[in-house]
Amino acid sequence: MKWFIIILVLLLSTALNAQSFLESVSKAQEAYKTEEFENALTLYNKAASIDNNHEHLVLELAQAAYRTNAYEEALLHYESAIKRTINPINQSEIYHNMGNASLKAGDIERAINYYKSSIKLNGAGIETKSNLSHALRMKKNAAQNNDGEKKESSSKPSQIQKNKKQQKAVPQKKYSFEAQKNKQILNDLLRKEAQTKRRLEEKRSQSSNNSKDW
């Protein structure tokens, strides 16, 4: 009798959990359709807490997380889903979505790798190829911007060196000052010499005047 009661309780509990699971999933799907993504994510997480072994549930959970901009959470669910997926086409679609989530998260390199994995499984994925090309252009532009910043930063030391050279050139003004000083001394000597000559000429002129016959 005791075992019968335990089994009955377990069966009832399982039935209640199954009902709660189905209700949460159904409500989550309705919320997703009406673009109530935050509510959908909450309901999907509630369903996953009851039973997370359903492949489709994990995918829908990942999509809901993606729609709420929770890209890293979405990637975790996608990774869980791809481990349970056998069909290469389905795997390709999941890798495509993982590439999109990585790109939204700002991880360009990771996005490129996921897009490449998707193309390996399904080479006919035109949208994936387009997204890959876009990611590669973003990577190229980012590299060019980094190179530009490096060049700009490398030019700054050159400017500093130039300033140092200019600072070293400042003491040369001392020699200019000495030259100017010597020039001034020379000018003074020349002026004194001119004054002396003028005085001598004046004295000679006076002597000549004094010696005239009137």
C-alpha atoms as a PDB file:
ATOM      1  CA  MET A   1       0.000   0.000   0.000  1.00  0.00           C
ATOM      2  CA  LYS A   2       2.830   2.353   0.895  1.00  0.00           C
ATOM      3  CA  TRP A   3       4.546   1.811  -2.466  1.00  0.00           C
ATOM      4  CA  PHE A   4       1.287   2.292  -4.255  1.00  0.00           C
ATOM      5  CA  ILE A   5       0.815   5.699  -2.626  1.00  0.00           C
ATOM      6  CA  ILE A   6       4.385   6.727  -3.536  1.00  0.00           C
ATOM      7  CA  ILE A   7       3.918   5.676  -7.152  1.00  0.00           C
ATOM      8  CA  LEU A   8       0.586   7.497  -7.309  1.00  0.00           C
ATOM      9  CA  VAL A   9       2.157  10.680  -5.942  1.00  0.00           C
ATOM     10  CA  LEU A  10       4.952  10.459  -8.480  1.00  0.00           C
ATOM     11  CA  LEU A  11       2.500   9.957 -11.308  1.00  0.00           C
ATOM     12  CA  LEU A  12       0.411  12.916 -10.179  1.00  0.00           C
ATOM     13  CA  SER A  13       3.511  15.065  -9.783  1.00  0.00           C
ATOM     14  CA  THR A  14       4.708  14.096 -13.258  1.00  0.00           C
ATOM     15  CA  ALA A  15       1.296  14.849 -14.720  1.00  0.00           C
ATOM     16  CA  LEU A  16       1.192  18.239 -13.004  1.00  0.00           C
ATOM     17  CA  ASN A  17       4.719  19.061 -14.185  1.00  0.00           C
ATOM     18  CA  ALA A  18       3.828  18.032 -17.715  1.00  0.00           C
ATOM     19  CA  GLN A  19       0.723  20.212 -17.639  1.00  0.00           C
ATOM     20  CA  SER A  20       2.699  23.157 -16.218  1.00  0.00           C
ATOM     21  CA  PHE A  21       5.396  22.626 -18.855  1.00  0.00           C
ATOM     22  CA  LEU A  22       2.910  22.634 -21.717  1.00  0.00           C
ATOM     23  CA  GLU A  23       1.115  25.704 -20.362  1.00  0.00           C
ATOM     24  CA  SER A  24       4.384  27.650 -19.995  1.00  0.00           C
ATOM     25  CA  VAL A  25       5.519  26.728 -23.497  1.00  0.00           C
ATOM     26  CA  SER A  26       2.129  27.606 -24.988  1.00  0.00           C
ATOM     27  CA  LYS A  27       2.037  30.984 -23.231  1.00  0.00           C
ATOM     28  CA  ALA A  28       5.676  31.658 -24.194  1.00  0.00           C
ATOM     29  CA  GLN A  29       4.894  30.983 -27.847  1.00  0.00           C
ATOM     30  CA  GLU A  30       1.911  33.321 -27.761  1.00  0.00           C
ATOM     31  CA  ALA A  31       3.984  36.044 -26.105  1.00  0.00           C
ATOM     32  CA  TYR A  32       6.684  35.603 -28.728  1.00  0.00           C
ATOM     33  CA  LYS A  33       4.167  35.942 -31.552  1.00  0.00           C
ATOM     34  CA  THR A  34       2.917  39.233 -30.090  1.00  0.00           C
ATOM     35  CA  GLU A  35       6.554  40.387 -29.707  1.00  0.00           C
ATOM     36  CA  GLU A  36       6.396  40.361 -25.903  1.00  0.00           C
ATOM     37  CA  PHE A  37       9.905  38.948 -25.883  1.00  0.00           C
ATOM     38  CA  GLU A  38      10.770  39.612 -22.231  1.00  0.00           C
ATOM     39  CA  ASN A  39       7.633  37.782 -21.104  1.00  0.00           C
ATOM     40  CA  ALA A  40       8.300  34.994 -23.600  1.00  0.00           C
ATOM     41  CA  LEU A  41      11.828  34.534 -22.265  1.00  0.00           C
ATOM     42  CA  THR A  42      10.549  34.318 -18.692  1.00  0.00           C
ATOM     43  CA  LEU A  43       7.960  31.699 -19.638  1.00  0.00           C
ATOM     44  CA  TYR A  44      10.463  29.675 -21.676  1.00  0.00           C
ATOM     45  CA  ASN A  45      12.853  29.667 -18.721  1.00  0.00           C
ATOM     46  CA  LYS A  46      10.006  28.473 -16.495  1.00  0.00           C
ATOM     47  CA  ALA A  47       9.328  25.608 -18.898  1.00  0.00           C
ATOM     48  CA  ALA A  48      13.041  24.777 -19.090  1.00  0.00           C
ATOM     49  CA  SER A  49      13.231  24.577 -15.291  1.00  0.00           C
ATOM     50  CA  ILE A  50      10.612  21.804 -15.498  1.00  0.00           C
ATOM     51  CA  ASP A  51      12.083  19.950 -18.474  1.00  0.00           C
ATOM     52  CA  ASN A  52      14.994  21.192 -20.595  1.00  0.00           C
ATOM     53  CA  ASN A  53      15.489  18.046 -22.669  1.00  0.00           C
ATOM     54  CA  HIS A  54      13.426  19.247 -25.602  1.00  0.00           C
ATOM     55  CA  GLU A  55      15.466  20.359 -28.603  1.00  0.00           C
ATOM     56  CA  HIS A  56      12.814  22.735 -29.904  1.00  0.00           C
ATOM     57  CA  LEU A  57      12.384  24.324 -26.492  1.00  0.00           C
ATOM     58  CA  VAL A  58      16.069  25.170 -26.310  1.00  0.00           C
ATOM     59  CA  LEU A  59      15.948  26.717 -29.779  1.00  0.00           C
ATOM     60  CA  GLU A  60      12.891  28.805 -28.926  1.00  0.00           C
ATOM     61  CA  LEU A  61      14.564  29.837 -25.680  1.00  0.00           C
ATOM     62  CA  ALA A  62      17.639  30.927 -27.645  1.00  0.00           C
ATOM     63  CA  GLN A  63      15.513  32.945 -30.074  1.00  0.00           C
ATOM     64  CA  ALA A  64      13.681  34.678 -27.224  1.00  0.00           C
ATOM     65  CA  ALA A  65      16.995  35.574 -25.562  1.00  0.00           C
ATOM     66  CA  TYR A  66      18.261  36.922 -28.900  1.00  0.00           C
ATOM     67  CA  ARG A  67      15.165  39.110 -29.259  1.00  0.00           C
ATOM     68  CA  THR A  68      15.788  40.636 -25.822  1.00  0.00           C
ATOM     69  CA  ASN A  69      19.395  41.454 -26.833  1.00  0.00           C
ATOM     70  CA  ALA A  70      20.708  38.845 -24.369  1.00  0.00           C
ATOM     71  CA  TYR A  71      23.144  37.576 -26.993  1.00  0.00           C
ATOM     72  CA  GLU A  72      25.519  35.682 -24.715  1.00  0.00           C
ATOM     73  CA  GLU A  73      22.574  33.846 -23.135  1.00  0.00           C
ATOM     74  CA  ALA A  74      21.250  33.069 -26.608  1.00  0.00           C
ATOM     75  CA  LEU A  75      24.623  31.613 -27.604  1.00  0.00           C
ATOM     76  CA  LEU A  76      24.598  29.293 -24.592  1.00  0.00           C
ATOM     77  CA  HIS A  77      21.188  27.948 -25.615  1.00  0.00           C
ATOM     78  CA  TYR A  78      22.255  27.584 -29.251  1.00  0.00           C
ATOM     79  CA  GLU A  79      25.326  25.623 -28.149  1.00  0.00           C
ATOM     80  CA  SER A  80      23.079  23.340 -26.100  1.00  0.00           C
ATOM     81  CA  ALA A  81      20.726  22.902 -29.059  1.00  0.00           C
ATOM     82  CA  ILE A  82      23.417  22.059 -31.593  1.00  0.00           C
ATOM     83  CA  LYS A  83      24.682  19.234 -29.383  1.00  0.00           C
ATOM     84  CA  ARG A  84      21.248  17.634 -29.635  1.00  0.00           C
ATOM     85  CA  THR A  85      20.866  18.168 -33.381  1.00  0.00           C
ATOM     86  CA  ILE A  86      21.894  15.501 -35.880  1.00  0.00           C
ATOM     87  CA  ASN A  87      20.557  16.921 -39.146  1.00  0.00           C
ATOM     88  CA  PRO A  88      23.373  18.907 -40.895  1.00  0.00           C
ATOM     89  CA  ILE A  89      20.908  21.415 -42.369  1.00  0.00           C
ATOM     90  CA  ASN A  90      19.489  22.147 -38.929  1.00  0.00           C
ATOM     91  CA  GLN A  91      22.999  22.432 -37.533  1.00  0.00           C
ATOM     92  CA  SER A  92      23.849  24.869 -40.309  1.00  0.00           C
ATOM     93  CA  GLU A  93      20.862  27.053 -39.373  1.00  0.00           C
ATOM     94  CA  ILE A  94      21.895  27.058 -35.727  1.00  0.00           C
ATOM     95  CA  TYR A  95      25.475  28.056 -36.601  1.00  0.00           C
ATOM     96  CA  HIS A  96      24.038  30.827 -38.768  1.00  0.00           C
ATOM     97  CA  ASN A  97      22.052  32.138 -35.797  1.00  0.00           C
ATOM     98  CA  MET A  98      25.109  31.821 -33.554  1.00  0.00           C
ATOM     99  CA  GLY A  99      27.016  33.950 -36.041  1.00  0.00           C
ATOM    100  CA  ASN A 100      24.290  36.593 -35.904  1.00  0.00           C
ATOM    101  CA  ALA A 101      24.278  36.576 -32.096  1.00  0.00           C
ATOM    102  CA  SER A 102      28.080  36.870 -31.976  1.00  0.00           C
ATOM    103  CA  LEU A 103      28.015  39.761 -34.435  1.00  0.00           C
ATOM    104  CA  LYS A 104      25.381  41.542 -32.347  1.00  0.00           C
ATOM    105  CA  ALA A 105      27.519  40.930 -29.259  1.00  0.00           C
ATOM    106  CA  GLY A 106      30.451  42.639 -30.997  1.00  0.00           C
ATOM    107  CA  ASP A 107      32.585  39.516 -31.372  1.00  0.00           C
ATOM    108  CA  ILE A 108      33.365  39.690 -35.096  1.00  0.00           C
ATOM    109  CA  GLU A 109      35.965  36.916 -35.120  1.00  0.00           C
ATOM    110  CA  ARG A 110      33.641  34.457 -33.419  1.00  0.00           C
ATOM    111  CA  ALA A 111      30.843  35.405 -35.811  1.00  0.00           C
ATOM    112  CA  ILE A 112      33.097  34.691 -38.799  1.00  0.00           C
ATOM    113  CA  ASN A 113      33.948  31.237 -37.447  1.00  0.00           C
ATOM    114  CA  TYR A 114      30.273  30.365 -36.895  1.00  0.00           C
ATOM    115  CA  TYR A 115      29.302  31.546 -40.386  1.00  0.00           C
ATOM    116  CA  LYS A 116      32.089  29.409 -41.868  1.00  0.00           C
ATOM    117  CA  SER A 117      30.868  26.388 -39.896  1.00  0.00           C
ATOM    118  CA  SER A 118      27.363  26.992 -41.238  1.00  0.00           C
ATOM    119  CA  ILE A 119      28.609  27.194 -44.841  1.00  0.00           C
ATOM    120  CA  LYS A 120      30.600  23.966 -44.451  1.00  0.00           C
ATOM    121  CA  LEU A 121      27.387  22.167 -43.542  1.00  0.00           C
ATOM    122  CA  ASN A 122      25.239  23.916 -46.113  1.00  0.00           C
ATOM    123  CA  GLY A 123      27.112  25.641 -48.915  1.00  0.00           C
ATOM    124  CA  ALA A 124      23.862  26.836 -50.455  1.00  0.00           C
ATOM    125  CA  GLY A 125      23.180  29.264 -47.620  1.00  0.00           C
ATOM    126  CA  ILE A 126      23.163  32.572 -49.547  1.00  0.00           C
ATOM    127  CA  GLU A 127      22.179  34.643 -46.512  1.00  0.00           C
ATOM    128  CA  THR A 128      24.980  33.100 -44.463  1.00  0.00           C
ATOM    129  CA  LYS A 129      27.515  33.916 -47.179  1.00  0.00           C
ATOM    130  CA  SER A 130      26.240  37.486 -47.284  1.00  0.00           C
ATOM    131  CA  ASN A 131      26.554  37.804 -43.519  1.00  0.00           C
ATOM    132  CA  LEU A 132      30.056  36.328 -43.654  1.00  0.00           C
ATOM    133  CA  SER A 133      31.096  38.913 -46.253  1.00  0.00           C
ATOM    134  CA  HIS A 134      29.678  41.659 -44.045  1.00  0.00           C
ATOM    135  CA  ALA A 135      31.577  40.352 -40.997  1.00  0.00           C
ATOM    136  CA  LEU A 136      34.825  40.150 -42.988  1.00  0.00           C
ATOM    137  CA  ARG A 137      34.394  43.777 -44.104  1.00  0.00           C
ATOM    138  CA  MET A 138      33.822  44.800 -40.508  1.00  0.00           C
ATOM    139  CA  LYS A 139      37.003  42.988 -39.493  1.00  0.00           C
ATOM    140  CA  LYS A 140      38.969  44.705 -42.280  1.00  0.00           C
ATOM    141  CA  ASN A 141      37.644  48.145 -41.336  1.00  0.00           C
ATOM    142  CA  ALA A 142      38.446  47.534 -37.673  1.00  0.00           C
ATOM    143  CA  ALA A 143      42.015  46.533 -38.612  1.00  0.00           C
ATOM    144  CA  GLN A 144      42.437  49.664 -40.728  1.00  0.00           C
ATOM    145  CA  ASN A 145      41.173  51.851 -37.895  1.00  0.00           C
ATOM    146  CA  ASN A 146      43.622  50.195 -35.499  1.00  0.00           C
ATOM    147  CA  ASP A 147      46.470  50.770 -37.954  1.00  0.00           C
ATOM    148  CA  GLY A 148      45.468  54.420 -38.222  1.00  0.00           C
ATOM    149  CA  GLU A 149      45.498  54.799 -34.457  1.00  0.00           C
ATOM    150  CA  LYS A 150      48.909  53.108 -34.250  1.00  0.00           C
ATOM    151  CA  LYS A 151      50.324  55.423 -36.901  1.00  0.00           C
ATOM    152  CA  GLU A 152      48.939  58.417 -35.087  1.00  0.00           C
ATOM    153  CA  SER A 153      50.401  57.254 -31.795  1.00  0.00           C
ATOM    154  CA  SER A 154      53.752  56.442 -33.452  1.00  0.00           C
ATOM    155  CA  SER A 155      53.899  59.944 -34.911  1.00  0.00           C
ATOM    156  CA  LYS A 156      53.679  61.447 -31.457  1.00  0.00           C
ATOM    157  CA  PRO A 157      57.135  60.191 -30.347  1.00  0.00           C
ATOM    158  CA  SER A 158      58.545  61.641 -33.582  1.00  0.00           C
ATOM    159  CA  GLN A 159      57.047  64.977 -32.641  1.00  0.00           C
ATOM    160  CA  ILE A 160      58.518  64.625 -29.166  1.00  0.00           C
ATOM    161  CA  GLN A 161      61.937  63.891 -30.655  1.00  0.00           C
ATOM    162  CA  LYS A 162      61.546  66.917 -32.887  1.00  0.00           C
ATOM    163  CA  ASN A 163      60.731  69.040 -29.868  1.00  0.00           C
ATOM    164  CA  LYS A 164      63.767  67.666 -28.050  1.00  0.00           C
ATOM    165  CA  LYS A 165      65.966  68.592 -31.005  1.00  0.00           C
ATOM    166  CA  GLN A 166      64.508  72.067 -30.933  1.00  0.00           C
ATOM    167  CA  GLN A 167      65.192  72.264 -27.219  1.00  0.00           C
ATOM    168  CA  LYS A 168      68.788  71.186 -27.838  1.00  0.00           C
ATOM    169  CA  ALA A 169      69.071  73.912 -30.446  1.00  0.00           C
ATOM    170  CA  VAL A 170      68.189  76.567 -27.877  1.00  0.00           C
ATOM    171  CA  PRO A 171      71.729  76.762 -26.348  1.00  0.00           C
ATOM    172  CA  GLN A 172      73.013  77.856 -29.752  1.00  0.00           C
ATOM    173  CA  LYS A 173      71.561  81.231 -28.885  1.00  0.00           C
ATOM    174  CA  LYS A 174      74.479  81.606 -26.479  1.00  0.00           C
ATOM    175  CA  TYR A 175      76.925  81.697 -29.391  1.00  0.00           C
ATOM    176  CA  SER A 176      74.772  84.263 -31.142  1.00  0.00           C
ATOM    177  CA  PHE A 177      74.848  86.333 -27.995  1.00  0.00           C
ATOM    178  CA  GLU A 178      78.655  86.098 -27.818  1.00  0.00           C
ATOM    179  CA  ALA A 179      78.926  87.095 -31.442  1.00  0.00           C
ATOM    180  CA  GLN A 180      76.648  90.035 -30.819  1.00  0.00           C
ATOM    181  CA  LYS A 181      78.729  91.017 -27.789  1.00  0.00           C
ATOM    182  CA  ASN A 182      81.959  90.834 -29.744  1.00  0.00           C
ATOM    183  CA  LYS A 183      80.367  92.841 -32.509  1.00  0.00           C
ATOM    184  CA  GLN A 184      79.352  95.475 -29.957  1.00  0.00           C
ATOM    185  CA  ILE A 185      82.908  95.658 -28.597  1.00  0.00           C
ATOM    186  CA  LEU A 186      84.269  96.041 -32.089  1.00  0.00           C
ATOM    187  CA  ASN A 187      81.792  98.805 -32.829  1.00  0.00           C
ATOM    188  CA  ASP A 188      82.809 100.603 -29.628  1.00  0.00           C
ATOM    189  CA  LEU A 189      86.472 100.387 -30.603  1.00  0.00           C
ATOM    190  CA  LEU A 190      85.727 101.710 -34.068  1.00  0.00           C
ATOM    191  CA  ARG A 191      83.676 104.547 -32.603  1.00  0.00           C
ATOM    192  CA  LYS A 192      86.445 105.485 -30.178  1.00  0.00           C
ATOM    193  CA  GLU A 193      88.956 105.329 -32.999  1.00  0.00           C
ATOM    194  CA  ALA A 194      86.772 107.642 -35.082  1.00  0.00           C
ATOM    195  CA  GLN A 195      86.440 110.052 -32.161  1.00  0.00           C
ATOM    196  CA  THR A 196      90.180 110.063 -31.668  1.00  0.00           C
ATOM    197  CA  LYS A 197      90.785 110.807 -35.357  1.00  0.00           C
ATOM    198  CA  ARG A 198      88.241 113.619 -35.247  1.00  0.00           C
ATOM    199  CA  ARG A 199      89.917 115.190 -32.215  1.00  0.00           C
ATOM    200  CA  LEU A 200      93.307 114.985 -33.874  1.00  0.00           C
ATOM    201  CA  GLU A 201      91.933 116.610 -36.999  1.00  0.00           C
ATOM    202  CA  GLU A 202      90.360 119.368 -34.938  1.00  0.00           C
ATOM    203  CA  LYS A 203      93.663 120.029 -33.171  1.00  0.00           C
ATOM    204  CA  ARG A 204      95.488 120.121 -36.484  1.00  0.00           C
ATOM    205  CA  SER A 205      92.916 122.533 -37.859  1.00  0.00           C
ATOM    206  CA  GLN A 206      93.313 124.821 -34.862  1.00  0.00           C
ATOM    207  CA  SER A 207      97.090 124.727 -35.138  1.00  0.00           C
ATOM    208  CA  SER A 208      96.831 125.577 -38.824  1.00  0.00           C
ATOM    209  CA  ASN A 209      94.585 128.557 -38.115  1.00  0.00           C
ATOM    210  CA  ASN A 210      96.882 129.867 -35.427  1.00  0.00           C
ATOM    211  CA  SER A 211      99.858 129.821 -37.781  1.00  0.00           C
ATOM    212  CA  LYS A 212      98.202 131.975 -40.513  1.00  0.00           C
ATOM    213  CA  ASP A 213      99.611 135.415 -41.514  1.00  0.00           C
ATOM    214  CA  TRP A 214      97.052 138.185 -41.230  1.00  0.00           C
END
